[in-house]
N, C-alpha and C. Protein backbone atom coordinates (compact mmCIF):
# COMPACT_ATOMS: atom_id res chain seq x y z
N UNK A 1 0.72 -1.20 -0.20
CA UNK A 1 -0.08 -0.23 0.20
C UNK A 1 1.12 1.16 0.01
N UNK A 2 1.91 1.45 0.95
CA UNK A 2 2.79 2.24 1.13
C UNK A 2 3.25 2.49 0.02
N UNK A 3 3.53 1.20 -1.06
CA UNK A 3 4.55 1.39 -2.02
C UNK A 3 3.75 2.08 -3.30
N UNK A 4 2.68 1.92 -3.15
CA UNK A 4 1.70 2.36 -4.29
C UNK A 4 1.35 3.79 -4.08
N UNK A 5 1.12 4.28 -3.13
CA UNK A 5 0.96 5.87 -2.67
C UNK A 5 2.40 6.47 -3.33
N UNK A 6 3.78 6.15 -2.59
CA UNK A 6 4.89 6.26 -3.27
C UNK A 6 4.71 6.62 -4.27
N UNK A 7 4.72 5.64 -5.49
CA UNK A 7 4.81 5.48 -6.99
C UNK A 7 3.92 6.60 -7.57
N UNK A 8 2.70 6.29 -6.74
CA UNK A 8 1.55 7.18 -7.44
C UNK A 8 2.03 8.72 -7.11
N UNK A 9 2.53 9.33 -6.02
CA UNK A 9 2.87 10.81 -5.66
C UNK A 9 3.98 11.10 -6.65
N UNK A 10 4.71 9.96 -6.82
CA UNK A 10 5.84 10.57 -7.85
C UNK A 10 5.53 10.13 -9.17
N UNK A 11 4.67 9.87 -9.59
CA UNK A 11 4.11 9.89 -10.84
C UNK A 11 3.35 11.42 -11.36
N UNK A 12 2.59 11.73 -10.12
CA UNK A 12 2.09 13.11 -10.27
C UNK A 12 2.77 14.32 -10.19
N UNK A 13 3.95 14.14 -9.36
CA UNK A 13 5.04 15.11 -9.31
C UNK A 13 5.70 15.33 -10.82
N UNK A 14 5.99 14.27 -11.28
CA UNK A 14 6.90 14.35 -12.88
C UNK A 14 5.86 14.96 -13.87
N UNK A 15 4.63 14.23 -13.78
CA UNK A 15 3.44 14.80 -14.49
C UNK A 15 3.71 16.66 -14.54
N UNK A 16 3.37 16.88 -13.21
CA UNK A 16 3.15 18.22 -12.85
C UNK A 16 4.33 19.03 -13.32
N UNK A 17 5.53 18.59 -13.06
CA UNK A 17 7.10 19.49 -13.63
C UNK A 17 6.90 19.45 -15.00
N UNK A 18 6.51 18.49 -15.62
CA UNK A 18 6.88 18.31 -17.02
C UNK A 18 5.96 19.28 -18.05
N UNK A 19 4.72 19.05 -17.29
CA UNK A 19 3.59 20.30 -17.75
C UNK A 19 4.06 21.37 -17.79
N UNK A 20 4.92 21.91 -16.60
CA UNK A 20 5.11 23.20 -16.01
C UNK A 20 6.53 23.72 -16.95
N UNK A 21 7.27 22.60 -17.33
CA UNK A 21 8.46 22.94 -18.16
C UNK A 21 8.02 23.46 -19.68
N UNK A 22 7.02 22.56 -20.20
CA UNK A 22 6.56 22.40 -21.42
C UNK A 22 5.38 23.80 -21.84
N UNK A 23 4.94 24.31 -20.70
CA UNK A 23 4.12 25.52 -20.89
C UNK A 23 4.40 26.58 -21.74
N UNK A 24 3.74 26.88 -22.40
CA UNK A 24 4.20 28.55 -23.16
C UNK A 24 4.11 29.66 -22.13
N UNK A 25 3.25 29.71 -21.55
CA UNK A 25 3.52 30.45 -20.18
C UNK A 25 2.91 30.11 -18.82
N UNK A 26 3.77 30.00 -18.22
CA UNK A 26 3.24 29.60 -16.77
C UNK A 26 2.10 30.58 -16.07
N UNK A 27 1.71 31.46 -16.76
CA UNK A 27 0.90 32.59 -16.04
C UNK A 27 -0.56 32.33 -17.00
N UNK A 28 -0.63 31.55 -17.73
CA UNK A 28 -1.71 31.39 -18.96
C UNK A 28 -1.30 31.35 -19.95
N UNK A 29 -2.22 30.46 -21.18
CA UNK A 29 -1.58 30.39 -22.44
C UNK A 29 -1.78 31.85 -23.05
N UNK A 30 -0.68 32.17 -23.71
CA UNK A 30 -1.40 33.66 -24.50
C UNK A 30 -2.09 33.52 -25.65
N UNK A 31 -2.92 34.56 -26.31
CA UNK A 31 -3.78 34.16 -27.40
C UNK A 31 -3.19 34.01 -28.44
N UNK A 32 -3.75 33.03 -29.67
CA UNK A 32 -3.26 32.56 -30.50
C UNK A 32 -2.58 33.66 -31.20
N UNK A 33 -1.60 33.42 -32.15
CA UNK A 33 -1.18 34.28 -32.61
C UNK A 33 -0.25 35.44 -32.09
N UNK A 34 -0.19 35.73 -30.88
CA UNK A 34 0.70 36.46 -30.00
C UNK A 34 1.96 35.78 -29.64
N UNK A 35 2.78 36.27 -29.26
CA UNK A 35 4.18 35.91 -28.69
C UNK A 35 4.40 36.79 -27.39
N UNK A 36 5.19 36.35 -26.49
CA UNK A 36 5.66 37.02 -25.21
C UNK A 36 7.03 36.86 -25.84
N UNK A 37 7.67 38.12 -25.64
CA UNK A 37 9.11 38.33 -25.74
C UNK A 37 9.62 38.93 -24.37
N UNK A 38 10.41 38.17 -23.86
CA UNK A 38 11.32 38.41 -22.61
C UNK A 38 11.81 39.67 -22.95
N UNK A 39 12.21 40.81 -22.09
CA UNK A 39 12.85 41.70 -22.21
C UNK A 39 13.93 41.62 -21.28
N UNK A 40 15.18 42.46 -21.19
CA UNK A 40 16.36 42.67 -20.06
C UNK A 40 16.25 44.19 -20.16
N UNK A 41 16.55 44.62 -18.85
CA UNK A 41 16.95 45.54 -18.14
C UNK A 41 18.01 45.34 -17.12
N UNK A 42 18.96 46.76 -17.45
CA UNK A 42 19.96 47.04 -16.34
C UNK A 42 19.79 48.07 -15.74
N UNK A 43 19.89 48.07 -14.41
CA UNK A 43 19.90 49.22 -13.83
C UNK A 43 19.61 48.94 -12.28
N UNK A 44 19.33 50.10 -11.26
CA UNK A 44 19.30 50.00 -9.69
C UNK A 44 18.16 49.81 -9.27
N UNK A 45 17.89 48.97 -8.62
CA UNK A 45 16.73 49.02 -7.58
C UNK A 45 16.11 50.13 -7.32
N UNK A 46 14.90 50.71 -7.35
CA UNK A 46 14.55 51.65 -6.57
C UNK A 46 13.66 51.69 -5.48
N UNK A 47 12.44 50.53 -5.95
CA UNK A 47 11.62 50.18 -4.53
C UNK A 47 11.57 48.75 -4.64
N UNK A 48 11.44 48.08 -3.15
CA UNK A 48 11.76 47.02 -2.89
C UNK A 48 10.64 46.46 -2.20
N UNK A 49 9.78 45.67 -2.31
CA UNK A 49 8.61 45.11 -1.17
C UNK A 49 8.76 43.48 -1.15
N UNK A 50 9.48 43.21 -0.18
CA UNK A 50 9.88 41.45 -0.25
C UNK A 50 8.47 40.62 -0.17
N UNK A 51 7.58 41.26 0.82
CA UNK A 51 6.23 40.64 1.15
C UNK A 51 5.41 40.44 0.20
N UNK A 52 5.03 41.63 -0.51
CA UNK A 52 4.61 41.55 -1.92
C UNK A 52 5.12 41.08 -3.21
N UNK A 53 6.49 40.80 -2.99
CA UNK A 53 7.20 40.18 -4.13
C UNK A 53 7.54 41.17 -5.16
N UNK A 54 7.29 42.45 -5.00
CA UNK A 54 7.41 43.74 -5.92
C UNK A 54 8.75 44.50 -5.83
N UNK A 55 8.91 44.88 -6.92
CA UNK A 55 10.30 45.99 -6.95
C UNK A 55 9.99 46.65 -8.42
N UNK A 56 11.09 47.73 -8.42
CA UNK A 56 11.14 48.36 -9.58
C UNK A 56 12.65 48.96 -10.03
N UNK A 57 12.85 48.70 -10.80
CA UNK A 57 14.48 48.98 -11.55
C UNK A 57 14.58 50.35 -12.40
N UNK A 58 15.28 51.09 -11.98
CA UNK A 58 15.52 52.47 -12.95
C UNK A 58 16.87 51.84 -13.90
N UNK A 59 16.55 52.17 -14.95
CA UNK A 59 17.81 51.89 -16.23
C UNK A 59 18.68 53.39 -15.81
N UNK A 60 19.52 53.18 -16.80
CA UNK A 60 20.66 54.61 -16.73
C UNK A 60 20.00 55.66 -17.75
N UNK A 61 18.96 55.31 -18.70
CA UNK A 61 18.15 56.11 -19.62
C UNK A 61 16.91 56.77 -18.85
N UNK A 62 16.71 56.02 -17.33
CA UNK A 62 15.56 56.88 -16.66
C UNK A 62 14.48 56.19 -16.93
N UNK A 63 14.32 55.22 -17.57
CA UNK A 63 13.01 54.24 -17.67
C UNK A 63 12.93 53.42 -16.49
N UNK A 64 11.70 53.75 -15.77
CA UNK A 64 11.60 52.69 -14.58
C UNK A 64 10.46 51.60 -15.24
N UNK A 65 11.00 50.39 -14.64
CA UNK A 65 9.86 49.33 -15.03
C UNK A 65 9.59 48.50 -13.75
N UNK A 66 8.59 48.85 -13.33
CA UNK A 66 7.82 48.25 -11.76
C UNK A 66 7.67 46.47 -12.34
N UNK A 67 7.83 45.46 -11.41
CA UNK A 67 7.94 44.39 -11.75
C UNK A 67 7.24 43.48 -10.53
N UNK A 68 6.94 42.26 -10.89
CA UNK A 68 6.30 41.23 -9.75
C UNK A 68 7.40 39.94 -9.89
N UNK A 69 7.99 39.75 -9.04
CA UNK A 69 9.13 38.31 -9.02
C UNK A 69 8.03 37.14 -9.21
N UNK A 70 8.76 36.34 -10.13
CA UNK A 70 8.18 35.17 -10.52
C UNK A 70 8.50 34.06 -9.34
N UNK A 71 7.65 33.09 -8.97
CA UNK A 71 7.70 32.20 -7.60
C UNK A 71 9.29 31.84 -7.67
N UNK A 72 9.72 31.60 -8.72
CA UNK A 72 11.13 30.94 -8.22
C UNK A 72 12.30 32.15 -8.25
N UNK A 73 11.94 33.13 -8.32
CA UNK A 73 12.64 34.49 -8.08
C UNK A 73 12.80 34.65 -6.58
N UNK A 74 13.68 34.80 -6.03
CA UNK A 74 14.03 35.38 -4.60
C UNK A 74 14.33 36.87 -4.25
N UNK A 75 13.68 37.49 -3.65
CA UNK A 75 14.10 39.12 -3.00
C UNK A 75 15.08 39.24 -1.84
N UNK A 76 15.02 38.27 -1.31
CA UNK A 76 15.78 38.08 0.26
C UNK A 76 17.32 38.99 0.02
N UNK A 77 17.74 38.93 -1.10
CA UNK A 77 19.16 39.25 -0.80
C UNK A 77 19.65 40.60 -1.64
N UNK A 78 18.11 41.10 -2.15
CA UNK A 78 18.45 42.51 -2.76
C UNK A 78 18.22 43.32 -2.01
N UNK A 79 18.91 44.52 -2.41
CA UNK A 79 18.73 46.07 -1.54
C UNK A 79 18.63 47.00 -2.78
N UNK A 80 17.69 47.84 -2.25
CA UNK A 80 17.54 49.04 -2.82
C UNK A 80 18.84 49.95 -3.01
N UNK A 81 18.76 50.42 -4.21
CA UNK A 81 20.15 51.07 -4.88
C UNK A 81 21.14 49.94 -5.50
N UNK A 82 20.82 48.61 -5.29
CA UNK A 82 21.62 47.77 -6.05
C UNK A 82 21.89 47.45 -7.51
N UNK A 83 22.76 47.38 -8.11
CA UNK A 83 22.98 47.16 -9.48
C UNK A 83 22.09 45.95 -9.56
N UNK A 84 21.38 45.95 -10.90
CA UNK A 84 20.91 44.42 -11.54
C UNK A 84 20.68 44.22 -12.74
N UNK A 85 20.59 42.60 -13.20
CA UNK A 85 20.26 42.71 -14.80
C UNK A 85 18.82 41.99 -14.47
N UNK A 86 17.63 42.01 -15.03
CA UNK A 86 16.68 41.72 -14.93
C UNK A 86 15.66 41.14 -16.12
N UNK A 87 15.49 40.06 -16.21
CA UNK A 87 15.01 39.44 -17.32
C UNK A 87 13.23 39.76 -17.07
N UNK A 88 12.12 40.03 -17.83
CA UNK A 88 11.13 40.02 -17.42
C UNK A 88 10.38 40.03 -18.57
N UNK A 89 8.86 39.32 -18.50
CA UNK A 89 7.85 39.37 -19.63
C UNK A 89 6.89 39.49 -18.96
N UNK A 90 5.76 40.52 -19.45
CA UNK A 90 4.76 40.89 -19.12
C UNK A 90 4.53 41.15 -17.57
N UNK A 91 5.56 42.04 -17.38
CA UNK A 91 5.39 42.75 -15.81
C UNK A 91 5.85 41.67 -14.73
N UNK A 92 6.53 40.23 -15.14
CA UNK A 92 6.99 39.47 -14.24
C UNK A 92 8.58 39.27 -14.23
N UNK A 93 9.31 39.29 -13.30
CA UNK A 93 10.75 39.17 -13.52
C UNK A 93 10.97 37.51 -13.14
N UNK A 94 11.49 37.20 -14.49
CA UNK A 94 11.90 35.87 -14.42
C UNK A 94 13.21 35.51 -13.71
N UNK A 95 13.98 36.75 -13.78
CA UNK A 95 15.67 36.26 -13.63
C UNK A 95 16.03 37.74 -12.79
N UNK A 96 16.81 37.49 -11.67
CA UNK A 96 17.49 38.58 -11.34
C UNK A 96 18.83 38.32 -11.18
N UNK A 97 19.99 38.89 -11.75
CA UNK A 97 21.24 39.10 -11.35
C UNK A 97 21.90 40.10 -10.91
N UNK A 98 22.48 40.13 -9.47
CA UNK A 98 22.75 41.46 -9.00
C UNK A 98 24.25 41.25 -9.74
N UNK A 99 24.75 42.46 -9.63
CA UNK A 99 25.84 42.84 -10.68
C UNK A 99 26.93 43.35 -9.37
N UNK A 100 26.83 42.95 -8.14
CA UNK A 100 27.80 43.46 -6.72
C UNK A 100 29.36 43.37 -7.54
N UNK A 101 29.85 44.09 -7.15
CA UNK A 101 31.54 44.14 -6.99
C UNK A 101 32.04 43.96 -5.74
N UNK A 102 33.01 43.00 -5.93
CA UNK A 102 33.84 42.30 -4.82
C UNK A 102 34.66 43.45 -4.06
N UNK A 103 34.69 43.55 -2.96
CA UNK A 103 35.68 44.37 -2.19
C UNK A 103 36.68 43.83 -1.99
N UNK A 104 37.88 44.85 -2.29
CA UNK A 104 39.47 44.57 -2.47
C UNK A 104 39.75 44.40 -1.09
N UNK A 105 40.71 43.20 -0.84
CA UNK A 105 41.07 43.36 0.92
C UNK A 105 42.13 44.31 1.44
């Protein structure tokens, strides 16, 4: 009985992960004929709300983009004023890379 439950749980988990991986858009399928292109912005974090998973980035040309972090993105290590490179689509940040410089000893 226990083996059957474990096997069923593993099967459901694999099926769920596979469907998410191959999904066109994790937040709902776009309309036929439309495509969502991911964009990248490099700039500084101007606002940060870790509880709401929202933040804003201002690029060097003054463009401000307000974003919500995707579930797989963590904002815990992010700080206001920090330089970041963010890839996003439809207002959702898919990746965030901090461009911290190492302090010299």
